């Protein structure tokens, strides 16, 4: 009994494999791009000094429920040297044109003929000046009807968003001159956008009146979600007072950060006086200690 069940299971597996293989390897039928095609022969009797005009000689109606393209082209001609001009026109579109026995336009396509819309063809033939009593001219054409191939919609555009944050994270509160001719400040740049980008930062220092005294510019690359520190070297202003460090990103977007600091001048003689005072104090203590001993 178990052996019989095993055989049935193997047979079911084989059948399933065959069915899956059929669906995988046998191509499914596709709607052909060329929906229809047929021959079209124009036989025109032309006479001296008589222009032949035939309206609505052929009508093509879109019987499909989707737009179609209609292509008409010449496949052969007989005796066209007897023509001064010949045209096949439909819906203000010229498909075939012959001038002085030469084919000027051999084909054309009418695009997107909508469902239930008609393409009505007219014919115009003018004989050559040298034509005698009358001649027969034949123009063989072929008509092909195509299904309009609609291109797939373009992919959604990639949204590039630039967003920065800029901060002054390190700056001395007081700068002493002349002992600190320069000092350092640290800026923090945070890229909150969707792409890495070059960031251009301009910085400058202003006094209490808003006059710019010192300035500089630097560019650096900051990746997505990266926090990058930028250390700048600032020359100490020569005049005591309150100053403001301004930092501004100019590319790719504008962000501003500010921080204040003080500049104070220490007289040159003051450290020397302190040193002399300390030396005298040490000597005094030494002398007193000697006297006690």
C-alpha atoms as a PDB file:
ATOM      1  CA  UNK A   1       0.000   0.000   0.000  1.00  0.00           C
ATOM      2  CA  UNK A   2       2.785   2.390   0.873  1.00  0.00           C
ATOM      3  CA  UNK A   3       4.585   1.529  -2.353  1.00  0.00           C
ATOM      4  CA  UNK A   4       1.438   2.310  -4.349  1.00  0.00           C
ATOM      5  CA  UNK A   5       1.086   5.707  -2.640  1.00  0.00           C
ATOM      6  CA  UNK A   6       4.721   6.449  -3.367  1.00  0.00           C
ATOM      7  CA  UNK A   7       4.184   5.666  -7.053  1.00  0.00           C
ATOM      8  CA  UNK A   8       1.174   8.001  -7.168  1.00  0.00           C
ATOM      9  CA  UNK A   9       3.223  10.751  -5.529  1.00  0.00           C
ATOM     10  CA  UNK A  10       6.003  10.335  -8.101  1.00  0.00           C
ATOM     11  CA  UNK A  11       3.485  10.454 -10.964  1.00  0.00           C
ATOM     12  CA  UNK A  12       1.892  13.647  -9.531  1.00  0.00           C
ATOM     13  CA  UNK A  13       5.346  15.242  -9.226  1.00  0.00           C
ATOM     14  CA  UNK A  14       6.197  14.371 -12.846  1.00  0.00           C
ATOM     15  CA  UNK A  15       2.900  15.766 -14.127  1.00  0.00           C
ATOM     16  CA  UNK A  16       3.407  18.984 -12.159  1.00  0.00           C
ATOM     17  CA  UNK A  17       6.927  19.327 -13.575  1.00  0.00           C
ATOM     18  CA  UNK A  18       5.649  18.861 -17.144  1.00  0.00           C
ATOM     19  CA  UNK A  19       2.901  21.471 -16.712  1.00  0.00           C
ATOM     20  CA  UNK A  20       5.329  24.015 -15.242  1.00  0.00           C
ATOM     21  CA  UNK A  21       7.802  23.364 -18.083  1.00  0.00           C
ATOM     22  CA  UNK A  22       5.084  23.981 -20.683  1.00  0.00           C
ATOM     23  CA  UNK A  23       4.251  27.367 -19.174  1.00  0.00           C
ATOM     24  CA  UNK A  24       7.913  28.312 -18.833  1.00  0.00           C
ATOM     25  CA  UNK A  25       9.278  27.307 -22.225  1.00  0.00           C
ATOM     26  CA  UNK A  26       6.330  27.646 -24.627  1.00  0.00           C
ATOM     27  CA  UNK A  27       6.022  31.337 -25.571  1.00  0.00           C
ATOM     28  CA  UNK A  28       2.644  32.899 -24.962  1.00  0.00           C
ATOM     29  CA  UNK A  29       0.842  34.366 -27.975  1.00  0.00           C
ATOM     30  CA  UNK A  30       1.515  38.058 -28.472  1.00  0.00           C
ATOM     31  CA  UNK A  31      -0.524  40.685 -30.220  1.00  0.00           C
ATOM     32  CA  UNK A  32       1.317  41.265 -33.516  1.00  0.00           C
ATOM     33  CA  UNK A  33       2.544  44.789 -34.080  1.00  0.00           C
ATOM     34  CA  UNK A  34       1.474  44.599 -37.738  1.00  0.00           C
ATOM     35  CA  UNK A  35      -2.287  44.195 -37.500  1.00  0.00           C
ATOM     36  CA  UNK A  36      -3.108  44.150 -41.223  1.00  0.00           C
ATOM     37  CA  UNK A  37      -1.534  44.736 -44.624  1.00  0.00           C
ATOM     38  CA  UNK A  38      -2.781  44.741 -48.214  1.00  0.00           C
ATOM     39  CA  UNK A  39      -1.874  45.889 -51.705  1.00  0.00           C
ATOM     40  CA  UNK A  40      -3.272  49.034 -53.293  1.00  0.00           C
ATOM     41  CA  UNK A  41      -3.000  49.649 -57.043  1.00  0.00           C
ATOM     42  CA  UNK A  42      -3.891  52.982 -58.636  1.00  0.00           C
ATOM     43  CA  UNK A  43      -4.423  52.869 -62.409  1.00  0.00           C
ATOM     44  CA  UNK A  44      -4.894  56.394 -63.715  1.00  0.00           C
ATOM     45  CA  UNK A  45      -5.763  57.405 -67.266  1.00  0.00           C
ATOM     46  CA  UNK A  46      -4.194  60.797 -67.964  1.00  0.00           C
ATOM     47  CA  UNK A  47      -4.830  63.032 -70.937  1.00  0.00           C
ATOM     48  CA  UNK A  48      -3.129  66.097 -72.354  1.00  0.00           C
ATOM     49  CA  UNK A  49      -3.809  69.237 -70.284  1.00  0.00           C
ATOM     50  CA  UNK A  50      -6.324  67.454 -68.038  1.00  0.00           C
ATOM     51  CA  UNK A  51      -5.661  67.159 -64.294  1.00  0.00           C
ATOM     52  CA  UNK A  52      -7.241  64.156 -62.640  1.00  0.00           C
ATOM     53  CA  UNK A  53      -8.666  64.708 -59.156  1.00  0.00           C
ATOM     54  CA  UNK A  54     -10.338  61.819 -57.350  1.00  0.00           C
ATOM     55  CA  UNK A  55     -11.684  62.308 -53.827  1.00  0.00           C
ATOM     56  CA  UNK A  56     -12.352  59.598 -51.279  1.00  0.00           C
ATOM     57  CA  UNK A  57     -10.822  56.901 -53.476  1.00  0.00           C
ATOM     58  CA  UNK A  58     -10.115  54.847 -50.358  1.00  0.00           C
ATOM     59  CA  UNK A  59     -11.150  55.050 -46.718  1.00  0.00           C
ATOM     60  CA  UNK A  60      -9.496  53.298 -43.790  1.00  0.00           C
ATOM     61  CA  UNK A  61     -11.511  53.135 -40.582  1.00  0.00           C
ATOM     62  CA  UNK A  62      -9.984  52.223 -37.259  1.00  0.00           C
ATOM     63  CA  UNK A  63     -12.184  49.360 -36.100  1.00  0.00           C
ATOM     64  CA  UNK A  64      -9.961  48.548 -33.153  1.00  0.00           C
ATOM     65  CA  UNK A  65     -10.480  49.802 -29.624  1.00  0.00           C
ATOM     66  CA  UNK A  66      -7.012  51.363 -29.518  1.00  0.00           C
ATOM     67  CA  UNK A  67      -5.075  53.854 -31.713  1.00  0.00           C
ATOM     68  CA  UNK A  68      -3.332  52.582 -34.839  1.00  0.00           C
ATOM     69  CA  UNK A  69      -0.627  53.819 -37.219  1.00  0.00           C
ATOM     70  CA  UNK A  70      -1.291  53.604 -40.954  1.00  0.00           C
ATOM     71  CA  UNK A  71       1.708  53.345 -43.267  1.00  0.00           C
ATOM     72  CA  UNK A  72       1.465  53.692 -47.067  1.00  0.00           C
ATOM     73  CA  UNK A  73       4.450  53.208 -49.362  1.00  0.00           C
ATOM     74  CA  UNK A  74       5.202  52.646 -53.051  1.00  0.00           C
ATOM     75  CA  UNK A  75       6.120  49.121 -54.153  1.00  0.00           C
ATOM     76  CA  UNK A  76       6.267  49.740 -57.904  1.00  0.00           C
ATOM     77  CA  UNK A  77       5.373  52.128 -60.750  1.00  0.00           C
ATOM     78  CA  UNK A  78       4.561  51.924 -64.457  1.00  0.00           C
ATOM     79  CA  UNK A  79       4.846  54.803 -66.927  1.00  0.00           C
ATOM     80  CA  UNK A  80       5.230  57.562 -64.296  1.00  0.00           C
ATOM     81  CA  UNK A  81       7.404  59.548 -66.720  1.00  0.00           C
ATOM     82  CA  UNK A  82       4.094  60.697 -68.212  1.00  0.00           C
ATOM     83  CA  UNK A  83       3.256  62.554 -64.991  1.00  0.00           C
ATOM     84  CA  UNK A  84       4.078  66.142 -64.175  1.00  0.00           C
ATOM     85  CA  UNK A  85       2.835  65.543 -60.640  1.00  0.00           C
ATOM     86  CA  UNK A  86       1.024  62.933 -58.611  1.00  0.00           C
ATOM     87  CA  UNK A  87      -0.039  62.982 -54.958  1.00  0.00           C
ATOM     88  CA  UNK A  88      -1.868  60.694 -52.557  1.00  0.00           C
ATOM     89  CA  UNK A  89      -3.182  62.672 -49.581  1.00  0.00           C
ATOM     90  CA  UNK A  90      -5.324  61.768 -46.572  1.00  0.00           C
ATOM     91  CA  UNK A  91      -6.386  63.899 -43.611  1.00  0.00           C
ATOM     92  CA  UNK A  92      -3.955  66.657 -44.676  1.00  0.00           C
ATOM     93  CA  UNK A  93      -1.079  64.148 -44.700  1.00  0.00           C
ATOM     94  CA  UNK A  94       0.889  63.543 -47.908  1.00  0.00           C
ATOM     95  CA  UNK A  95       1.784  59.871 -48.372  1.00  0.00           C
ATOM     96  CA  UNK A  96       3.095  59.696 -51.960  1.00  0.00           C
ATOM     97  CA  UNK A  97       4.467  62.444 -54.186  1.00  0.00           C
ATOM     98  CA  UNK A  98       5.814  62.243 -57.760  1.00  0.00           C
ATOM     99  CA  UNK A  99       7.232  65.262 -59.597  1.00  0.00           C
ATOM    100  CA  UNK A 100       8.212  65.213 -63.288  1.00  0.00           C
ATOM    101  CA  UNK A 101       8.453  61.438 -63.345  1.00  0.00           C
ATOM    102  CA  UNK A 102      10.610  61.216 -60.168  1.00  0.00           C
ATOM    103  CA  UNK A 103       9.425  59.844 -56.822  1.00  0.00           C
ATOM    104  CA  UNK A 104       9.846  62.651 -54.278  1.00  0.00           C
ATOM    105  CA  UNK A 105       8.068  60.913 -51.386  1.00  0.00           C
ATOM    106  CA  UNK A 106       7.795  57.140 -51.459  1.00  0.00           C
ATOM    107  CA  UNK A 107       6.155  56.556 -48.062  1.00  0.00           C
ATOM    108  CA  UNK A 108       4.633  58.129 -44.988  1.00  0.00           C
ATOM    109  CA  UNK A 109       2.817  57.104 -41.815  1.00  0.00           C
ATOM    110  CA  UNK A 110      -0.288  58.586 -40.246  1.00  0.00           C
ATOM    111  CA  UNK A 111       0.172  58.253 -36.502  1.00  0.00           C
ATOM    112  CA  UNK A 112      -2.434  57.479 -33.861  1.00  0.00           C
ATOM    113  CA  UNK A 113      -5.626  57.096 -35.850  1.00  0.00           C
ATOM    114  CA  UNK A 114      -8.150  56.923 -33.030  1.00  0.00           C
ATOM    115  CA  UNK A 115     -10.877  54.244 -32.740  1.00  0.00           C
ATOM    116  CA  UNK A 116     -13.783  54.819 -35.193  1.00  0.00           C
ATOM    117  CA  UNK A 117     -11.835  57.593 -36.912  1.00  0.00           C
ATOM    118  CA  UNK A 118     -11.527  57.565 -40.725  1.00  0.00           C
ATOM    119  CA  UNK A 119      -8.506  58.131 -42.932  1.00  0.00           C
ATOM    120  CA  UNK A 120      -9.888  59.363 -46.276  1.00  0.00           C
ATOM    121  CA  UNK A 121      -7.524  59.308 -49.273  1.00  0.00           C
ATOM    122  CA  UNK A 122      -7.618  61.693 -52.250  1.00  0.00           C
ATOM    123  CA  UNK A 123      -5.651  61.449 -55.486  1.00  0.00           C
ATOM    124  CA  UNK A 124      -4.324  64.169 -57.778  1.00  0.00           C
ATOM    125  CA  UNK A 125      -2.581  63.454 -61.090  1.00  0.00           C
ATOM    126  CA  UNK A 126      -1.351  66.048 -63.579  1.00  0.00           C
ATOM    127  CA  UNK A 127       0.000  64.891 -66.972  1.00  0.00           C
ATOM    128  CA  UNK A 128       3.366  65.889 -68.368  1.00  0.00           C
ATOM    129  CA  UNK A 129       3.433  68.657 -70.983  1.00  0.00           C
ATOM    130  CA  UNK A 130       4.851  66.227 -73.556  1.00  0.00           C
ATOM    131  CA  UNK A 131       1.950  63.840 -73.138  1.00  0.00           C
ATOM    132  CA  UNK A 132       0.179  62.952 -76.358  1.00  0.00           C
ATOM    133  CA  UNK A 133      -3.435  61.901 -76.642  1.00  0.00           C
ATOM    134  CA  UNK A 134      -3.561  59.810 -73.475  1.00  0.00           C
ATOM    135  CA  UNK A 135      -1.640  57.335 -71.372  1.00  0.00           C
ATOM    136  CA  UNK A 136      -2.242  54.879 -68.528  1.00  0.00           C
ATOM    137  CA  UNK A 137      -0.116  55.258 -65.392  1.00  0.00           C
ATOM    138  CA  UNK A 138       0.053  52.672 -62.618  1.00  0.00           C
ATOM    139  CA  UNK A 139       1.276  53.231 -59.052  1.00  0.00           C
ATOM    140  CA  UNK A 140       1.439  50.160 -56.833  1.00  0.00           C
ATOM    141  CA  UNK A 141       1.303  50.778 -53.096  1.00  0.00           C
ATOM    142  CA  UNK A 142       1.117  48.791 -49.916  1.00  0.00           C
ATOM    143  CA  UNK A 143      -0.845  49.636 -46.795  1.00  0.00           C
ATOM    144  CA  UNK A 144       0.300  48.436 -43.369  1.00  0.00           C
ATOM    145  CA  UNK A 145      -1.627  48.962 -40.156  1.00  0.00           C
ATOM    146  CA  UNK A 146       0.282  48.902 -36.896  1.00  0.00           C
ATOM    147  CA  UNK A 147      -0.748  48.894 -33.298  1.00  0.00           C
ATOM    148  CA  UNK A 148       0.541  52.037 -31.636  1.00  0.00           C
ATOM    149  CA  UNK A 149       3.343  51.106 -29.280  1.00  0.00           C
ATOM    150  CA  UNK A 150       2.877  53.144 -26.132  1.00  0.00           C
ATOM    151  CA  UNK A 151       6.204  53.699 -24.408  1.00  0.00           C
ATOM    152  CA  UNK A 152       6.301  52.863 -20.720  1.00  0.00           C
ATOM    153  CA  UNK A 153       5.994  55.814 -18.380  1.00  0.00           C
ATOM    154  CA  UNK A 154       9.310  57.312 -17.370  1.00  0.00           C
ATOM    155  CA  UNK A 155      10.617  56.377 -13.948  1.00  0.00           C
ATOM    156  CA  UNK A 156       9.791  58.808 -11.190  1.00  0.00           C
ATOM    157  CA  UNK A 157      12.381  61.555 -10.918  1.00  0.00           C
ATOM    158  CA  UNK A 158      15.020  61.229  -8.254  1.00  0.00           C
ATOM    159  CA  UNK A 159      14.289  63.912  -5.702  1.00  0.00           C
ATOM    160  CA  UNK A 160      17.495  65.593  -4.627  1.00  0.00           C
ATOM    161  CA  UNK A 161      17.015  67.490  -1.404  1.00  0.00           C
ATOM    162  CA  UNK A 162      19.712  69.678   0.090  1.00  0.00           C
ATOM    163  CA  UNK A 163      19.468  70.346   3.813  1.00  0.00           C
ATOM    164  CA  UNK A 164      22.323  71.497   6.032  1.00  0.00           C
ATOM    165  CA  UNK A 165      22.820  72.391   9.645  1.00  0.00           C
ATOM    166  CA  UNK A 166      25.720  74.613  10.726  1.00  0.00           C
ATOM    167  CA  UNK A 167      26.885  75.291  14.285  1.00  0.00           C
ATOM    168  CA  UNK A 168      29.814  76.930  16.094  1.00  0.00           C
ATOM    169  CA  UNK A 169      30.755  74.267  18.652  1.00  0.00           C
ATOM    170  CA  UNK A 170      34.115  75.557  19.930  1.00  0.00           C
ATOM    171  CA  UNK A 171      35.134  79.185  20.423  1.00  0.00           C
ATOM    172  CA  UNK A 172      37.081  80.758  23.326  1.00  0.00           C
ATOM    173  CA  UNK A 173      34.965  83.159  25.353  1.00  0.00           C
ATOM    174  CA  UNK A 174      37.925  85.514  25.904  1.00  0.00           C
ATOM    175  CA  UNK A 175      40.995  85.969  23.733  1.00  0.00           C
ATOM    176  CA  UNK A 176      44.018  87.655  25.293  1.00  0.00           C
ATOM    177  CA  UNK A 177      46.424  89.751  23.299  1.00  0.00           C
ATOM    178  CA  UNK A 178      49.263  90.095  22.595  1.00  0.00           C
ATOM    179  CA  UNK A 179      49.767  86.553  23.922  1.00  0.00           C
ATOM    180  CA  UNK A 180      47.181  85.019  21.512  1.00  0.00           C
ATOM    181  CA  UNK A 181      47.852  86.491  18.062  1.00  0.00           C
ATOM    182  CA  UNK A 182      45.635  83.745  16.608  1.00  0.00           C
ATOM    183  CA  UNK A 183      43.046  81.356  17.986  1.00  0.00           C
ATOM    184  CA  UNK A 184      40.991  78.439  16.670  1.00  0.00           C
ATOM    185  CA  UNK A 185      37.251  77.942  16.293  1.00  0.00           C
ATOM    186  CA  UNK A 186      35.447  74.739  15.294  1.00  0.00           C
ATOM    187  CA  UNK A 187      32.360  74.595  13.098  1.00  0.00           C
ATOM    188  CA  UNK A 188      30.068  71.565  12.778  1.00  0.00           C
ATOM    189  CA  UNK A 189      28.447  70.870   9.417  1.00  0.00           C
ATOM    190  CA  UNK A 190      25.601  68.309   9.281  1.00  0.00           C
ATOM    191  CA  UNK A 191      24.294  67.059   5.925  1.00  0.00           C
ATOM    192  CA  UNK A 192      20.574  66.290   6.363  1.00  0.00           C
ATOM    193  CA  UNK A 193      19.916  66.000   2.620  1.00  0.00           C
ATOM    194  CA  UNK A 194      19.562  62.999   0.307  1.00  0.00           C
ATOM    195  CA  UNK A 195      22.920  63.243  -1.493  1.00  0.00           C
ATOM    196  CA  UNK A 196      26.509  63.939  -0.589  1.00  0.00           C
ATOM    197  CA  UNK A 197      27.630  67.370  -1.695  1.00  0.00           C
ATOM    198  CA  UNK A 198      30.413  69.931  -1.650  1.00  0.00           C
ATOM    199  CA  UNK A 199      29.686  72.551   0.993  1.00  0.00           C
ATOM    200  CA  UNK A 200      31.179  76.021   0.686  1.00  0.00           C
ATOM    201  CA  UNK A 201      31.399  77.928   3.963  1.00  0.00           C
ATOM    202  CA  UNK A 202      32.212  81.591   4.263  1.00  0.00           C
ATOM    203  CA  UNK A 203      33.151  83.012   7.666  1.00  0.00           C
ATOM    204  CA  UNK A 204      33.928  86.470   8.927  1.00  0.00           C
ATOM    205  CA  UNK A 205      34.311  88.456  12.169  1.00  0.00           C
ATOM    206  CA  UNK A 206      32.471  91.700  12.949  1.00  0.00           C
ATOM    207  CA  UNK A 207      32.868  94.222  15.767  1.00  0.00           C
ATOM    208  CA  UNK A 208      30.062  95.802  17.786  1.00  0.00           C
ATOM    209  CA  UNK A 209      29.366  98.216  14.922  1.00  0.00           C
ATOM    210  CA  UNK A 210      28.965  95.387  12.444  1.00  0.00           C
ATOM    211  CA  UNK A 211      32.179  96.123  10.524  1.00  0.00           C
ATOM    212  CA  UNK A 212      33.814  93.046   9.054  1.00  0.00           C
ATOM    213  CA  UNK A 213      37.408  92.694  10.168  1.00  0.00           C
ATOM    214  CA  UNK A 214      38.553  89.183   9.231  1.00  0.00           C
ATOM    215  CA  UNK A 215      37.103  86.698   6.766  1.00  0.00           C
ATOM    216  CA  UNK A 216      37.770  83.463   4.850  1.00  0.00           C
ATOM    217  CA  UNK A 217      36.176  80.791   2.655  1.00  0.00           C
ATOM    218  CA  UNK A 218      36.565  77.011   2.592  1.00  0.00           C
ATOM    219  CA  UNK A 219      34.944  74.156   0.624  1.00  0.00           C
ATOM    220  CA  UNK A 220      34.673  70.544   1.750  1.00  0.00           C
ATOM    221  CA  UNK A 221      32.683  67.432   0.850  1.00  0.00           C
ATOM    222  CA  UNK A 222      30.046  66.242   3.322  1.00  0.00           C
ATOM    223  CA  UNK A 223      28.402  62.874   2.730  1.00  0.00           C
ATOM    224  CA  UNK A 224      24.763  62.007   3.416  1.00  0.00           C
ATOM    225  CA  UNK A 225      23.925  62.111   7.154  1.00  0.00           C
ATOM    226  CA  UNK A 226      27.549  62.972   7.911  1.00  0.00           C
ATOM    227  CA  UNK A 227      28.570  65.346  10.697  1.00  0.00           C
ATOM    228  CA  UNK A 228      31.888  66.924   9.831  1.00  0.00           C
ATOM    229  CA  UNK A 229      33.912  69.330  11.952  1.00  0.00           C
ATOM    230  CA  UNK A 230      35.771  72.216  10.357  1.00  0.00           C
ATOM    231  CA  UNK A 231      38.569  73.963  12.253  1.00  0.00           C
ATOM    232  CA  UNK A 232      39.336  77.532  11.233  1.00  0.00           C
ATOM    233  CA  UNK A 233      42.204  79.775  12.324  1.00  0.00           C
ATOM    234  CA  UNK A 234      41.283  83.356  13.216  1.00  0.00           C
ATOM    235  CA  UNK A 235      43.666  86.263  13.653  1.00  0.00           C
ATOM    236  CA  UNK A 236      42.921  88.116  16.865  1.00  0.00           C
ATOM    237  CA  UNK A 237      41.471  91.611  16.310  1.00  0.00           C
ATOM    238  CA  UNK A 238      43.819  94.354  17.469  1.00  0.00           C
ATOM    239  CA  UNK A 239      41.239  96.387  19.370  1.00  0.00           C
ATOM    240  CA  UNK A 240      39.624  95.212  22.601  1.00  0.00           C
ATOM    241  CA  UNK A 241      35.899  94.614  22.547  1.00  0.00           C
ATOM    242  CA  UNK A 242      33.082  92.192  21.791  1.00  0.00           C
ATOM    243  CA  UNK A 243      33.199  90.456  18.431  1.00  0.00           C
ATOM    244  CA  UNK A 244      30.902  88.067  16.556  1.00  0.00           C
ATOM    245  CA  UNK A 245      32.040  85.131  14.477  1.00  0.00           C
ATOM    246  CA  UNK A 246      29.669  84.593  11.545  1.00  0.00           C
ATOM    247  CA  UNK A 247      29.646  81.345   9.527  1.00  0.00           C
ATOM    248  CA  UNK A 248      27.454  80.865   6.484  1.00  0.00           C
ATOM    249  CA  UNK A 249      27.127  78.038   3.969  1.00  0.00           C
ATOM    250  CA  UNK A 250      26.647  79.448   0.467  1.00  0.00           C
ATOM    251  CA  UNK A 251      26.531  76.179  -1.510  1.00  0.00           C
ATOM    252  CA  UNK A 252      24.322  74.158  -1.886  1.00  0.00           C
ATOM    253  CA  UNK A 253      22.010  76.039   0.461  1.00  0.00           C
ATOM    254  CA  UNK A 254      22.298  78.986   2.825  1.00  0.00           C
ATOM    255  CA  UNK A 255      22.585  78.321   6.578  1.00  0.00           C
ATOM    256  CA  UNK A 256      23.955  80.810   9.124  1.00  0.00           C
ATOM    257  CA  UNK A 257      25.601  80.314  12.537  1.00  0.00           C
ATOM    258  CA  UNK A 258      26.965  82.915  14.955  1.00  0.00           C
ATOM    259  CA  UNK A 259      28.924  83.090  18.226  1.00  0.00           C
ATOM    260  CA  UNK A 260      30.430  85.925  20.268  1.00  0.00           C
ATOM    261  CA  UNK A 261      33.823  86.302  21.948  1.00  0.00           C
ATOM    262  CA  UNK A 262      35.775  88.981  23.834  1.00  0.00           C
ATOM    263  CA  UNK A 263      39.203  90.406  23.066  1.00  0.00           C
ATOM    264  CA  UNK A 264      41.151  91.761  26.051  1.00  0.00           C
ATOM    265  CA  UNK A 265      44.641  93.247  26.059  1.00  0.00           C
ATOM    266  CA  UNK A 266      46.985  92.310  28.874  1.00  0.00           C
ATOM    267  CA  UNK A 267      49.771  94.935  29.416  1.00  0.00           C
ATOM    268  CA  UNK A 268      53.220  93.593  28.631  1.00  0.00           C
ATOM    269  CA  UNK A 269      54.593  94.838  31.965  1.00  0.00           C
ATOM    270  CA  UNK A 270      51.957  93.028  34.002  1.00  0.00           C
ATOM    271  CA  UNK A 271      53.425  89.509  33.670  1.00  0.00           C
ATOM    272  CA  UNK A 272      56.891  90.886  34.386  1.00  0.00           C
ATOM    273  CA  UNK A 273      55.626  92.649  37.518  1.00  0.00           C
ATOM    274  CA  UNK A 274      53.988  89.449  38.707  1.00  0.00           C
ATOM    275  CA  UNK A 275      57.164  87.474  38.144  1.00  0.00           C
ATOM    276  CA  UNK A 276      59.313  90.059  40.021  1.00  0.00           C
ATOM    277  CA  UNK A 277      56.810  90.134  42.892  1.00  0.00           C
ATOM    278  CA  UNK A 278      56.895  86.354  43.167  1.00  0.00           C
ATOM    279  CA  UNK A 279      60.699  86.327  43.164  1.00  0.00           C
ATOM    280  CA  UNK A 280      60.828  88.990  45.909  1.00  0.00           C
ATOM    281  CA  UNK A 281      58.246  87.055  47.951  1.00  0.00           C
ATOM    282  CA  UNK A 282      60.289  83.866  47.655  1.00  0.00           C
ATOM    283  CA  UNK A 283      63.505  85.689  48.672  1.00  0.00           C
ATOM    284  CA  UNK A 284      61.773  87.287  51.644  1.00  0.00           C
ATOM    285  CA  UNK A 285      60.506  83.937  52.878  1.00  0.00           C
ATOM    286  CA  UNK A 286      63.956  82.465  52.422  1.00  0.00           C
ATOM    287  CA  UNK A 287      65.639  85.233  54.449  1.00  0.00           C
ATOM    288  CA  UNK A 288      63.097  84.938  57.255  1.00  0.00           C
ATOM    289  CA  UNK A 289      63.634  81.176  57.380  1.00  0.00           C
ATOM    290  CA  UNK A 290      67.413  81.685  57.660  1.00  0.00           C
ATOM    291  CA  UNK A 291      67.063  84.131  60.528  1.00  0.00           C
ATOM    292  CA  UNK A 292      64.883  81.725  62.515  1.00  0.00           C
ATOM    293  CA  UNK A 293      67.382  78.916  62.086  1.00  0.00           C
END
